[in-house]
Every structure is written in structure tokens, then in C-alpha cells.
Amino acid sequence: MILMKICRSETAASQIAKLIKDRRRDLGLSQDELAKRVGVSRLSIINIESGRSNARVSTIVGILNILKVTLEAREKSYERRISGDDRQAD
């Protein structure tokens, strides 16, 4: 499992988008294959990877599960883990 630490900021979404794109490529998955596994369109993956999409949390969690990535978000005194194991509503 890959762990990426991010901080809440306007760049967090772009950090996640880059991570998804890089990890997908590292695993040798096409955008089409990832889209099929997640149950979304290829265009959705393109938009997520380019940072042009406000994807649902459940979609991002699904992508992260497939890519075996865990994100850890931190801001000052509060900490929250976002991972495929969390079953949070959107």
C-alpha cells in the first residue's frame, strides 16, 4: 500500500490528481482499464487526472483502492485518514 500525506489546501486536489495519474501509469493500467474497474467513463478518469473534475468521494476512494493508495490528510491539530477502508458517505 502506498501512503501519501497531503495537507488541506487548494493544491490538495491537484496532488491527488497527479498521484492517481502517476500510480496508474506505474501499475501499467490504461485510463480505460481503470475506468472499467471503477465503473466510470474514461472521460471521468481523464478529468480526474487533469484536476478538472469534482469527483465524488466514493469514486476517488474506489480509484485509490484499485491503485492501492492511502491518503493521510493533516491540518494543524486535527488528523483524518482517507483510505479505501473508510466507508464514508459523499
N, C-alpha and C. Protein backbone atom coordinates (compact mmCIF):
# COMPACT_ATOMS: atom_id res chain seq x y z
N MET A 1 0.85 -1.18 0.00
CA MET A 1 0.00 0.00 0.00
C MET A 1 0.89 1.24 0.00
N ILE A 2 0.59 2.19 -0.84
CA ILE A 2 1.30 3.46 -0.93
C ILE A 2 0.61 4.45 0.01
N LEU A 3 1.38 5.21 0.78
CA LEU A 3 0.82 6.22 1.67
C LEU A 3 1.31 7.58 1.20
N MET A 4 0.38 8.49 0.95
CA MET A 4 0.73 9.85 0.57
C MET A 4 0.13 10.79 1.58
N LYS A 5 0.95 11.66 2.13
CA LYS A 5 0.46 12.66 3.07
C LYS A 5 0.17 13.94 2.32
N ILE A 6 -1.01 14.47 2.55
CA ILE A 6 -1.39 15.75 1.94
C ILE A 6 -1.89 16.68 3.02
N CYS A 7 -1.81 17.96 2.76
CA CYS A 7 -2.35 18.97 3.66
C CYS A 7 -3.54 19.61 2.99
N ARG A 8 -4.50 20.03 3.79
CA ARG A 8 -5.64 20.73 3.22
C ARG A 8 -5.16 22.04 2.63
N SER A 9 -5.40 22.18 1.39
CA SER A 9 -5.06 23.42 0.70
C SER A 9 -5.71 23.36 -0.66
N GLU A 10 -5.61 24.45 -1.38
CA GLU A 10 -6.20 24.44 -2.71
C GLU A 10 -5.42 23.53 -3.65
N THR A 11 -4.23 23.10 -3.27
CA THR A 11 -3.44 22.22 -4.13
C THR A 11 -3.63 20.74 -3.80
N ALA A 12 -4.39 20.44 -2.76
CA ALA A 12 -4.59 19.04 -2.40
C ALA A 12 -5.22 18.25 -3.54
N ALA A 13 -6.20 18.83 -4.21
CA ALA A 13 -6.85 18.15 -5.33
C ALA A 13 -5.86 17.88 -6.45
N SER A 14 -4.99 18.85 -6.73
CA SER A 14 -4.00 18.63 -7.79
C SER A 14 -2.96 17.59 -7.38
N GLN A 15 -2.64 17.52 -6.09
CA GLN A 15 -1.71 16.49 -5.60
C GLN A 15 -2.32 15.10 -5.78
N ILE A 16 -3.59 14.97 -5.47
CA ILE A 16 -4.28 13.69 -5.62
C ILE A 16 -4.39 13.31 -7.09
N ALA A 17 -4.71 14.29 -7.94
CA ALA A 17 -4.82 14.03 -9.38
C ALA A 17 -3.50 13.51 -9.93
N LYS A 18 -2.40 14.15 -9.56
CA LYS A 18 -1.08 13.72 -10.04
C LYS A 18 -0.75 12.33 -9.51
N LEU A 19 -1.05 12.09 -8.24
CA LEU A 19 -0.79 10.77 -7.65
C LEU A 19 -1.55 9.69 -8.41
N ILE A 20 -2.81 9.92 -8.69
CA ILE A 20 -3.63 8.93 -9.41
C ILE A 20 -3.02 8.63 -10.78
N LYS A 21 -2.68 9.68 -11.51
CA LYS A 21 -2.11 9.51 -12.85
C LYS A 21 -0.78 8.75 -12.79
N ASP A 22 0.11 9.18 -11.90
CA ASP A 22 1.43 8.55 -11.80
C ASP A 22 1.33 7.09 -11.35
N ARG A 23 0.48 6.82 -10.37
CA ARG A 23 0.34 5.46 -9.85
C ARG A 23 -0.29 4.54 -10.90
N ARG A 24 -1.30 5.05 -11.61
CA ARG A 24 -1.92 4.26 -12.67
C ARG A 24 -0.88 3.86 -13.71
N ARG A 25 -0.07 4.81 -14.10
CA ARG A 25 0.99 4.52 -15.08
C ARG A 25 2.01 3.53 -14.52
N ASP A 26 2.40 3.71 -13.26
CA ASP A 26 3.36 2.79 -12.62
C ASP A 26 2.84 1.35 -12.65
N LEU A 27 1.53 1.20 -12.49
CA LEU A 27 0.93 -0.13 -12.47
C LEU A 27 0.63 -0.66 -13.88
N GLY A 28 0.87 0.17 -14.88
CA GLY A 28 0.64 -0.25 -16.26
C GLY A 28 -0.82 -0.34 -16.65
N LEU A 29 -1.66 0.44 -15.97
CA LEU A 29 -3.10 0.45 -16.28
C LEU A 29 -3.41 1.58 -17.25
N SER A 30 -4.24 1.30 -18.24
CA SER A 30 -4.71 2.36 -19.12
C SER A 30 -5.84 3.11 -18.42
N GLN A 31 -6.14 4.30 -18.91
CA GLN A 31 -7.27 5.04 -18.36
C GLN A 31 -8.56 4.26 -18.56
N ASP A 32 -8.68 3.61 -19.70
CA ASP A 32 -9.87 2.83 -20.00
C ASP A 32 -10.03 1.66 -19.02
N GLU A 33 -8.92 0.96 -18.74
CA GLU A 33 -8.99 -0.17 -17.82
C GLU A 33 -9.34 0.28 -16.40
N LEU A 34 -8.73 1.37 -15.96
CA LEU A 34 -9.05 1.90 -14.63
C LEU A 34 -10.52 2.32 -14.57
N ALA A 35 -10.98 2.98 -15.61
CA ALA A 35 -12.38 3.42 -15.65
C ALA A 35 -13.34 2.23 -15.54
N LYS A 36 -13.05 1.17 -16.27
CA LYS A 36 -13.90 -0.02 -16.21
C LYS A 36 -13.91 -0.64 -14.82
N ARG A 37 -12.74 -0.69 -14.18
CA ARG A 37 -12.66 -1.28 -12.84
C ARG A 37 -13.43 -0.45 -11.81
N VAL A 38 -13.41 0.87 -11.99
CA VAL A 38 -14.09 1.77 -11.05
C VAL A 38 -15.57 1.90 -11.37
N GLY A 39 -15.93 1.69 -12.63
CA GLY A 39 -17.32 1.83 -13.04
C GLY A 39 -17.68 3.23 -13.48
N VAL A 40 -16.70 3.93 -14.05
CA VAL A 40 -16.93 5.27 -14.57
C VAL A 40 -16.44 5.31 -16.01
N SER A 41 -16.67 6.43 -16.68
CA SER A 41 -16.21 6.56 -18.06
C SER A 41 -14.72 6.92 -18.10
N ARG A 42 -14.12 6.67 -19.26
CA ARG A 42 -12.72 7.06 -19.46
C ARG A 42 -12.59 8.57 -19.34
N LEU A 43 -13.58 9.30 -19.83
CA LEU A 43 -13.55 10.76 -19.72
C LEU A 43 -13.51 11.21 -18.26
N SER A 44 -14.19 10.48 -17.39
CA SER A 44 -14.14 10.80 -15.96
C SER A 44 -12.72 10.67 -15.42
N ILE A 45 -12.02 9.60 -15.81
CA ILE A 45 -10.64 9.40 -15.37
C ILE A 45 -9.75 10.51 -15.92
N ILE A 46 -9.93 10.85 -17.18
CA ILE A 46 -9.16 11.95 -17.79
C ILE A 46 -9.37 13.24 -16.99
N ASN A 47 -10.62 13.55 -16.68
CA ASN A 47 -10.92 14.77 -15.93
C ASN A 47 -10.36 14.73 -14.51
N ILE A 48 -10.42 13.59 -13.87
CA ILE A 48 -9.88 13.46 -12.51
C ILE A 48 -8.37 13.65 -12.54
N GLU A 49 -7.70 12.97 -13.47
CA GLU A 49 -6.23 13.07 -13.55
C GLU A 49 -5.75 14.46 -13.94
N SER A 50 -6.57 15.22 -14.64
CA SER A 50 -6.17 16.57 -15.04
C SER A 50 -6.59 17.61 -14.01
N GLY A 51 -7.32 17.18 -12.99
CA GLY A 51 -7.77 18.11 -11.95
C GLY A 51 -8.97 18.93 -12.35
N ARG A 52 -9.64 18.56 -13.44
CA ARG A 52 -10.80 19.32 -13.92
C ARG A 52 -12.11 18.76 -13.40
N SER A 53 -12.07 17.81 -12.51
CA SER A 53 -13.29 17.16 -12.06
C SER A 53 -13.46 17.28 -10.56
N ASN A 54 -14.68 17.52 -10.14
CA ASN A 54 -15.04 17.43 -8.73
C ASN A 54 -15.70 16.07 -8.54
N ALA A 55 -14.90 15.04 -8.56
CA ALA A 55 -15.42 13.68 -8.48
C ALA A 55 -15.99 13.40 -7.11
N ARG A 56 -16.91 12.47 -7.07
CA ARG A 56 -17.50 12.04 -5.80
C ARG A 56 -16.42 11.37 -4.96
N VAL A 57 -16.55 11.51 -3.67
CA VAL A 57 -15.61 10.87 -2.75
C VAL A 57 -15.58 9.37 -2.98
N SER A 58 -16.74 8.78 -3.21
CA SER A 58 -16.79 7.33 -3.43
C SER A 58 -16.01 6.92 -4.68
N THR A 59 -16.01 7.77 -5.70
CA THR A 59 -15.25 7.48 -6.92
C THR A 59 -13.75 7.55 -6.63
N ILE A 60 -13.32 8.59 -5.94
CA ILE A 60 -11.90 8.73 -5.59
C ILE A 60 -11.45 7.57 -4.71
N VAL A 61 -12.26 7.21 -3.73
CA VAL A 61 -11.92 6.07 -2.85
C VAL A 61 -11.82 4.79 -3.67
N GLY A 62 -12.73 4.60 -4.62
CA GLY A 62 -12.67 3.43 -5.48
C GLY A 62 -11.39 3.38 -6.29
N ILE A 63 -11.00 4.52 -6.84
CA ILE A 63 -9.75 4.60 -7.60
C ILE A 63 -8.56 4.30 -6.71
N LEU A 64 -8.54 4.90 -5.52
CA LEU A 64 -7.43 4.68 -4.60
C LEU A 64 -7.34 3.22 -4.17
N ASN A 65 -8.48 2.57 -3.97
CA ASN A 65 -8.47 1.13 -3.63
C ASN A 65 -7.81 0.32 -4.74
N ILE A 66 -8.21 0.57 -5.96
CA ILE A 66 -7.67 -0.17 -7.10
C ILE A 66 -6.17 0.08 -7.24
N LEU A 67 -5.76 1.33 -7.00
CA LEU A 67 -4.34 1.68 -7.13
C LEU A 67 -3.54 1.36 -5.87
N LYS A 68 -4.24 0.85 -4.84
CA LYS A 68 -3.61 0.51 -3.56
C LYS A 68 -2.86 1.71 -2.95
N VAL A 69 -3.62 2.80 -2.82
CA VAL A 69 -3.08 4.05 -2.27
C VAL A 69 -3.91 4.46 -1.07
N THR A 70 -3.25 4.94 -0.03
CA THR A 70 -3.90 5.52 1.13
C THR A 70 -3.45 6.97 1.25
N LEU A 71 -4.38 7.87 1.47
CA LEU A 71 -4.05 9.28 1.68
C LEU A 71 -4.21 9.60 3.15
N GLU A 72 -3.34 10.45 3.63
CA GLU A 72 -3.46 10.92 5.00
C GLU A 72 -3.50 12.44 4.95
N ALA A 73 -4.61 13.02 5.38
CA ALA A 73 -4.76 14.47 5.38
C ALA A 73 -4.53 15.00 6.78
N ARG A 74 -3.74 16.05 6.88
CA ARG A 74 -3.44 16.65 8.18
C ARG A 74 -3.58 18.15 8.10
N GLU A 75 -4.10 18.72 9.15
CA GLU A 75 -4.15 20.17 9.27
C GLU A 75 -4.05 20.53 10.74
N LYS A 76 -3.00 21.20 11.09
CA LYS A 76 -2.73 21.62 12.46
C LYS A 76 -3.02 20.51 13.46
N SER A 77 -4.01 20.69 14.31
CA SER A 77 -4.24 19.74 15.38
C SER A 77 -5.17 18.59 15.02
N TYR A 78 -5.76 18.63 13.83
CA TYR A 78 -6.68 17.54 13.52
C TYR A 78 -6.09 16.67 12.44
N GLU A 79 -6.40 15.42 12.53
CA GLU A 79 -5.89 14.43 11.60
C GLU A 79 -7.05 13.57 11.13
N ARG A 80 -7.05 13.25 9.86
CA ARG A 80 -8.12 12.40 9.33
C ARG A 80 -7.54 11.50 8.27
N ARG A 81 -7.80 10.23 8.38
CA ARG A 81 -7.32 9.29 7.38
C ARG A 81 -8.40 9.07 6.33
N ILE A 82 -7.98 9.10 5.09
CA ILE A 82 -8.88 8.82 3.99
C ILE A 82 -8.29 7.60 3.29
N SER A 83 -9.01 6.51 3.34
CA SER A 83 -8.49 5.31 2.70
C SER A 83 -9.64 4.48 2.19
N GLY A 84 -9.27 3.46 1.46
CA GLY A 84 -10.29 2.55 0.93
C GLY A 84 -11.03 1.81 2.00
N ASP A 85 -10.50 1.77 3.21
CA ASP A 85 -11.15 1.07 4.29
C ASP A 85 -12.28 1.89 4.92
N ASP A 86 -12.22 3.22 4.72
CA ASP A 86 -13.27 4.08 5.26
C ASP A 86 -14.50 3.96 4.39
N ARG A 87 -15.63 3.87 4.96
CA ARG A 87 -16.89 3.78 4.22
C ARG A 87 -17.71 5.01 4.51
N GLN A 88 -17.17 6.19 4.15
CA GLN A 88 -17.84 7.45 4.43
C GLN A 88 -18.77 7.81 3.29
N ALA A 89 -19.85 8.44 3.61
CA ALA A 89 -20.79 8.92 2.59
C ALA A 89 -20.22 10.16 1.93
N ASP A 90 -20.68 10.43 0.72
CA ASP A 90 -20.22 11.62 -0.01
C ASP A 90 -20.71 12.88 0.65
